[in-house]
Amino acid sequence: QVQLVESGGGLVQAGGSLRLSCAASGRIFSPEAMGWYRQAPGNQRELVTIITSGGSTKYADSVKGRFTISRDNAKNTVYLQMNSLKPEDTAVYYCNAVVSLKSYWGQGTQVTVSS
């Protein structure tokens, strides 16, 4: 069983920054990939960014240049630094980890960006 615990969400003004963290625990060695997805009201869950165990990254076009994902493999923790936040970034952000080809999700953390 893999547990993902997220932290760092909150309310911020447009142009501000937030940092999300997600720690994976349980019977794992090292997730093949970890990442962040988000879901705004009325929308489908969408990929924000992912990072593989080797450090390769992928970003949604809407966040390129503003968001940065990083990973501490020793701690099985992934971070999402979000800068220049926009109201359209408002959503519940979910951490995801792929372990032994299985996908696990965190409980989600709310990010609200006011204009």
N, C-alpha and C. Protein backbone atom coordinates (compact mmCIF):
# COMPACT_ATOMS: atom_id res chain seq x y z
N GLN A 1 0.85 -1.19 0.00
CA GLN A 1 0.00 0.00 0.00
C GLN A 1 0.88 1.24 0.00
N VAL A 2 0.50 2.21 -0.82
CA VAL A 2 1.24 3.45 -0.94
C VAL A 2 0.34 4.60 -0.48
N GLN A 3 0.89 5.43 0.37
CA GLN A 3 0.15 6.62 0.81
C GLN A 3 0.86 7.87 0.31
N LEU A 4 0.07 8.83 -0.12
CA LEU A 4 0.60 10.11 -0.57
C LEU A 4 0.00 11.20 0.29
N VAL A 5 0.85 12.00 0.89
CA VAL A 5 0.38 13.08 1.76
C VAL A 5 0.83 14.40 1.17
N GLU A 6 -0.14 15.23 0.84
CA GLU A 6 0.13 16.53 0.22
C GLU A 6 0.05 17.64 1.26
N SER A 7 0.76 18.71 0.98
CA SER A 7 0.68 19.89 1.83
C SER A 7 1.06 21.11 1.00
N GLY A 8 0.67 22.29 1.50
CA GLY A 8 1.13 23.52 0.88
C GLY A 8 0.11 24.31 0.10
N GLY A 9 -1.11 23.81 -0.02
CA GLY A 9 -2.12 24.58 -0.73
C GLY A 9 -2.58 25.78 0.08
N GLY A 10 -3.43 26.60 -0.54
CA GLY A 10 -3.94 27.76 0.17
C GLY A 10 -4.46 28.82 -0.76
N LEU A 11 -4.64 30.00 -0.20
CA LEU A 11 -5.16 31.16 -0.94
C LEU A 11 -4.03 32.14 -1.19
N VAL A 12 -3.92 32.60 -2.43
CA VAL A 12 -2.86 33.53 -2.78
C VAL A 12 -3.41 34.51 -3.83
N GLN A 13 -2.86 35.70 -3.84
CA GLN A 13 -3.26 36.68 -4.85
C GLN A 13 -2.59 36.37 -6.19
N ALA A 14 -3.20 36.82 -7.25
CA ALA A 14 -2.61 36.66 -8.57
C ALA A 14 -1.21 37.26 -8.59
N GLY A 15 -0.29 36.52 -9.22
CA GLY A 15 1.10 36.95 -9.25
C GLY A 15 1.94 36.38 -8.13
N GLY A 16 1.28 35.78 -7.15
CA GLY A 16 1.98 35.22 -6.02
C GLY A 16 2.51 33.83 -6.28
N SER A 17 3.04 33.23 -5.21
CA SER A 17 3.67 31.92 -5.31
C SER A 17 3.18 30.99 -4.21
N LEU A 18 3.20 29.72 -4.51
CA LEU A 18 2.93 28.67 -3.53
C LEU A 18 3.84 27.49 -3.84
N ARG A 19 4.11 26.71 -2.81
CA ARG A 19 4.91 25.50 -2.99
C ARG A 19 4.13 24.33 -2.41
N LEU A 20 3.89 23.34 -3.24
CA LEU A 20 3.22 22.12 -2.80
C LEU A 20 4.25 21.03 -2.56
N SER A 21 3.95 20.18 -1.59
CA SER A 21 4.80 19.03 -1.31
C SER A 21 3.95 17.77 -1.28
N CYS A 22 4.56 16.66 -1.66
CA CYS A 22 3.87 15.37 -1.61
C CYS A 22 4.88 14.31 -1.20
N ALA A 23 4.61 13.69 -0.09
CA ALA A 23 5.48 12.64 0.41
C ALA A 23 4.82 11.28 0.22
N ALA A 24 5.54 10.36 -0.36
CA ALA A 24 5.05 9.01 -0.57
C ALA A 24 5.62 8.10 0.51
N SER A 25 4.77 7.25 1.04
CA SER A 25 5.22 6.31 2.07
C SER A 25 4.53 4.97 1.86
N GLY A 26 5.01 3.98 2.55
CA GLY A 26 4.44 2.66 2.39
C GLY A 26 5.48 1.68 1.88
N ARG A 27 5.00 0.59 1.33
CA ARG A 27 5.90 -0.46 0.89
C ARG A 27 6.37 -0.17 -0.53
N ILE A 28 7.25 0.82 -0.63
CA ILE A 28 7.76 1.21 -1.94
C ILE A 28 9.27 1.32 -1.87
N PHE A 29 9.90 1.19 -2.99
CA PHE A 29 11.33 1.46 -3.09
C PHE A 29 11.54 2.84 -3.71
N SER A 30 11.04 3.01 -4.90
CA SER A 30 11.15 4.31 -5.56
C SER A 30 10.11 4.39 -6.66
N PRO A 31 9.22 5.35 -6.58
CA PRO A 31 8.22 5.50 -7.63
C PRO A 31 8.87 5.73 -8.99
N GLU A 32 8.34 5.11 -10.03
CA GLU A 32 8.85 5.33 -11.38
C GLU A 32 8.63 6.77 -11.81
N ALA A 33 7.52 7.34 -11.37
CA ALA A 33 7.20 8.72 -11.71
C ALA A 33 6.31 9.30 -10.62
N MET A 34 6.46 10.58 -10.42
CA MET A 34 5.56 11.31 -9.51
C MET A 34 5.16 12.60 -10.21
N GLY A 35 3.99 13.07 -9.86
CA GLY A 35 3.55 14.28 -10.54
C GLY A 35 2.36 14.92 -9.88
N TRP A 36 1.88 15.94 -10.55
CA TRP A 36 0.74 16.71 -10.07
C TRP A 36 -0.30 16.84 -11.17
N TYR A 37 -1.54 16.67 -10.78
CA TYR A 37 -2.69 16.90 -11.63
C TYR A 37 -3.57 17.92 -10.91
N ARG A 38 -4.48 18.52 -11.65
CA ARG A 38 -5.41 19.44 -11.02
C ARG A 38 -6.80 19.31 -11.64
N GLN A 39 -7.77 19.68 -10.83
CA GLN A 39 -9.15 19.62 -11.29
C GLN A 39 -9.89 20.84 -10.78
N ALA A 40 -10.37 21.63 -11.71
CA ALA A 40 -11.18 22.80 -11.38
C ALA A 40 -12.65 22.40 -11.44
N PRO A 41 -13.52 23.11 -10.76
CA PRO A 41 -14.95 22.77 -10.77
C PRO A 41 -15.50 22.72 -12.20
N GLY A 42 -16.18 21.63 -12.51
CA GLY A 42 -16.77 21.47 -13.82
C GLY A 42 -15.82 20.99 -14.89
N ASN A 43 -14.55 20.82 -14.52
CA ASN A 43 -13.55 20.38 -15.50
C ASN A 43 -13.04 18.98 -15.17
N GLN A 44 -12.44 18.36 -16.17
CA GLN A 44 -11.80 17.07 -15.93
C GLN A 44 -10.45 17.28 -15.27
N ARG A 45 -9.98 16.24 -14.60
CA ARG A 45 -8.65 16.29 -14.02
C ARG A 45 -7.64 16.34 -15.15
N GLU A 46 -6.65 17.22 -15.02
CA GLU A 46 -5.66 17.39 -16.07
C GLU A 46 -4.26 17.32 -15.51
N LEU A 47 -3.35 16.90 -16.35
CA LEU A 47 -1.95 16.83 -15.97
C LEU A 47 -1.38 18.23 -15.85
N VAL A 48 -0.65 18.45 -14.77
CA VAL A 48 0.11 19.70 -14.60
C VAL A 48 1.57 19.44 -14.95
N THR A 49 2.16 18.45 -14.28
CA THR A 49 3.55 18.14 -14.52
C THR A 49 3.90 16.79 -13.91
N ILE A 50 4.88 16.13 -14.49
CA ILE A 50 5.37 14.88 -13.93
C ILE A 50 6.90 14.88 -13.97
N ILE A 51 7.50 14.04 -13.13
CA ILE A 51 8.93 13.86 -13.12
C ILE A 51 9.21 12.37 -12.91
N THR A 52 10.11 11.84 -13.70
CA THR A 52 10.44 10.42 -13.58
C THR A 52 11.56 10.22 -12.55
N SER A 53 11.80 8.97 -12.24
CA SER A 53 12.87 8.67 -11.28
C SER A 53 14.22 9.12 -11.81
N GLY A 54 14.35 9.20 -13.13
CA GLY A 54 15.59 9.67 -13.72
C GLY A 54 15.70 11.17 -13.85
N GLY A 55 14.62 11.86 -13.51
CA GLY A 55 14.66 13.33 -13.52
C GLY A 55 14.06 13.98 -14.76
N SER A 56 13.55 13.18 -15.68
CA SER A 56 12.89 13.78 -16.85
C SER A 56 11.58 14.41 -16.43
N THR A 57 11.26 15.54 -17.04
CA THR A 57 10.05 16.27 -16.67
C THR A 57 9.18 16.56 -17.88
N LYS A 58 7.91 16.76 -17.59
CA LYS A 58 6.94 17.16 -18.61
C LYS A 58 5.99 18.15 -17.95
N TYR A 59 5.65 19.22 -18.68
CA TYR A 59 4.76 20.24 -18.17
C TYR A 59 3.60 20.49 -19.13
N ALA A 60 2.47 20.82 -18.58
CA ALA A 60 1.37 21.31 -19.39
C ALA A 60 1.78 22.67 -19.96
N ASP A 61 1.33 22.96 -21.17
CA ASP A 61 1.70 24.23 -21.81
C ASP A 61 1.29 25.42 -20.96
N SER A 62 0.18 25.29 -20.26
CA SER A 62 -0.36 26.41 -19.49
C SER A 62 0.49 26.80 -18.29
N VAL A 63 1.41 25.92 -17.88
CA VAL A 63 2.22 26.22 -16.69
C VAL A 63 3.70 26.33 -17.00
N LYS A 64 4.09 26.07 -18.23
CA LYS A 64 5.51 26.15 -18.59
C LYS A 64 6.06 27.54 -18.30
N GLY A 65 7.23 27.54 -17.68
CA GLY A 65 7.87 28.80 -17.35
C GLY A 65 7.42 29.41 -16.03
N ARG A 66 6.36 28.85 -15.45
CA ARG A 66 5.85 29.36 -14.17
C ARG A 66 5.96 28.33 -13.05
N PHE A 67 5.76 27.09 -13.38
CA PHE A 67 5.79 26.01 -12.39
C PHE A 67 7.06 25.19 -12.57
N THR A 68 7.58 24.69 -11.46
CA THR A 68 8.75 23.83 -11.50
C THR A 68 8.54 22.65 -10.57
N ILE A 69 8.74 21.46 -11.10
CA ILE A 69 8.65 20.25 -10.29
C ILE A 69 10.05 19.78 -9.93
N SER A 70 10.18 19.30 -8.72
CA SER A 70 11.46 18.74 -8.29
C SER A 70 11.18 17.53 -7.40
N ARG A 71 12.22 16.75 -7.19
CA ARG A 71 12.00 15.48 -6.51
C ARG A 71 13.20 15.16 -5.63
N ASP A 72 12.93 14.66 -4.44
CA ASP A 72 13.95 14.15 -3.55
C ASP A 72 13.75 12.64 -3.49
N ASN A 73 14.55 11.91 -4.25
CA ASN A 73 14.37 10.46 -4.32
C ASN A 73 14.61 9.78 -2.98
N ALA A 74 15.51 10.30 -2.20
CA ALA A 74 15.82 9.69 -0.91
C ALA A 74 14.62 9.77 0.03
N LYS A 75 13.81 10.81 -0.13
CA LYS A 75 12.65 11.01 0.73
C LYS A 75 11.35 10.61 0.05
N ASN A 76 11.43 10.17 -1.21
CA ASN A 76 10.22 9.88 -1.99
C ASN A 76 9.24 11.03 -1.92
N THR A 77 9.76 12.22 -2.09
CA THR A 77 8.96 13.43 -2.00
C THR A 77 9.10 14.23 -3.29
N VAL A 78 7.99 14.80 -3.72
CA VAL A 78 7.99 15.65 -4.90
C VAL A 78 7.45 17.01 -4.50
N TYR A 79 8.00 18.04 -5.12
CA TYR A 79 7.62 19.41 -4.82
C TYR A 79 7.13 20.09 -6.09
N LEU A 80 6.23 21.03 -5.93
CA LEU A 80 5.76 21.84 -7.04
C LEU A 80 5.85 23.30 -6.64
N GLN A 81 6.80 23.99 -7.23
CA GLN A 81 6.94 25.42 -7.01
C GLN A 81 6.11 26.15 -8.06
N MET A 82 5.15 26.92 -7.60
CA MET A 82 4.23 27.61 -8.50
C MET A 82 4.44 29.11 -8.35
N ASN A 83 4.90 29.74 -9.41
CA ASN A 83 5.13 31.18 -9.42
C ASN A 83 4.19 31.85 -10.42
N SER A 84 4.07 33.15 -10.29
CA SER A 84 3.22 33.94 -11.21
C SER A 84 1.84 33.31 -11.34
N LEU A 85 1.25 32.98 -10.23
CA LEU A 85 -0.03 32.30 -10.24
C LEU A 85 -1.13 33.18 -10.83
N LYS A 86 -2.05 32.51 -11.52
CA LYS A 86 -3.16 33.18 -12.18
C LYS A 86 -4.47 32.63 -11.62
N PRO A 87 -5.54 33.40 -11.70
CA PRO A 87 -6.83 32.89 -11.23
C PRO A 87 -7.22 31.56 -11.88
N GLU A 88 -6.83 31.37 -13.13
CA GLU A 88 -7.16 30.13 -13.81
C GLU A 88 -6.36 28.93 -13.29
N ASP A 89 -5.42 29.16 -12.42
CA ASP A 89 -4.71 28.05 -11.76
C ASP A 89 -5.51 27.51 -10.57
N THR A 90 -6.58 28.17 -10.22
CA THR A 90 -7.41 27.72 -9.11
C THR A 90 -7.97 26.33 -9.38
N ALA A 91 -7.72 25.42 -8.46
CA ALA A 91 -8.15 24.02 -8.63
C ALA A 91 -7.76 23.23 -7.39
N VAL A 92 -8.24 22.01 -7.33
CA VAL A 92 -7.70 21.06 -6.37
C VAL A 92 -6.53 20.35 -7.04
N TYR A 93 -5.41 20.36 -6.39
CA TYR A 93 -4.20 19.76 -6.94
C TYR A 93 -3.98 18.40 -6.28
N TYR A 94 -3.79 17.39 -7.13
CA TYR A 94 -3.62 16.03 -6.66
C TYR A 94 -2.22 15.53 -6.99
N CYS A 95 -1.61 14.93 -6.01
CA CYS A 95 -0.33 14.27 -6.21
C CYS A 95 -0.58 12.86 -6.76
N ASN A 96 0.28 12.44 -7.65
CA ASN A 96 0.18 11.10 -8.24
C ASN A 96 1.54 10.43 -8.21
N ALA A 97 1.53 9.14 -7.94
CA ALA A 97 2.77 8.36 -7.98
C ALA A 97 2.51 7.06 -8.71
N VAL A 98 3.45 6.67 -9.55
CA VAL A 98 3.38 5.39 -10.24
C VAL A 98 4.42 4.48 -9.59
N VAL A 99 3.95 3.40 -8.98
CA VAL A 99 4.81 2.47 -8.28
C VAL A 99 4.50 1.07 -8.80
N SER A 100 5.51 0.43 -9.35
CA SER A 100 5.34 -0.91 -9.93
C SER A 100 4.16 -0.91 -10.90
N LEU A 101 4.10 0.13 -11.73
CA LEU A 101 3.11 0.30 -12.79
C LEU A 101 1.69 0.55 -12.26
N LYS A 102 1.54 0.74 -10.97
CA LYS A 102 0.24 1.08 -10.39
C LYS A 102 0.23 2.56 -10.05
N SER A 103 -0.95 3.17 -10.22
CA SER A 103 -1.09 4.60 -10.00
C SER A 103 -1.78 4.86 -8.66
N TYR A 104 -1.21 5.77 -7.89
CA TYR A 104 -1.75 6.12 -6.58
C TYR A 104 -1.99 7.63 -6.54
N TRP A 105 -2.99 8.02 -5.75
CA TRP A 105 -3.39 9.42 -5.67
C TRP A 105 -3.42 9.91 -4.23
N GLY A 106 -3.07 11.18 -4.07
CA GLY A 106 -3.24 11.83 -2.80
C GLY A 106 -4.67 12.32 -2.64
N GLN A 107 -4.95 12.92 -1.51
CA GLN A 107 -6.31 13.34 -1.22
C GLN A 107 -6.66 14.68 -1.87
N GLY A 108 -5.66 15.38 -2.34
CA GLY A 108 -5.88 16.67 -2.98
C GLY A 108 -5.69 17.83 -2.02
N THR A 109 -5.22 18.93 -2.57
CA THR A 109 -5.06 20.15 -1.78
C THR A 109 -5.57 21.33 -2.62
N GLN A 110 -6.34 22.18 -1.99
CA GLN A 110 -6.96 23.29 -2.70
C GLN A 110 -5.97 24.43 -2.90
N VAL A 111 -5.92 24.92 -4.12
CA VAL A 111 -5.17 26.13 -4.45
C VAL A 111 -6.16 27.13 -5.02
N THR A 112 -6.23 28.29 -4.40
CA THR A 112 -7.14 29.34 -4.84
C THR A 112 -6.34 30.60 -5.10
N VAL A 113 -6.49 31.12 -6.32
CA VAL A 113 -5.78 32.33 -6.71
C VAL A 113 -6.80 33.43 -6.94
N SER A 114 -6.71 34.47 -6.15
CA SER A 114 -7.66 35.58 -6.26
C SER A 114 -7.13 36.65 -7.22
N SER A 115 -8.06 37.28 -7.90
CA SER A 115 -7.65 38.31 -8.87
C SER A 115 -7.58 39.69 -8.23
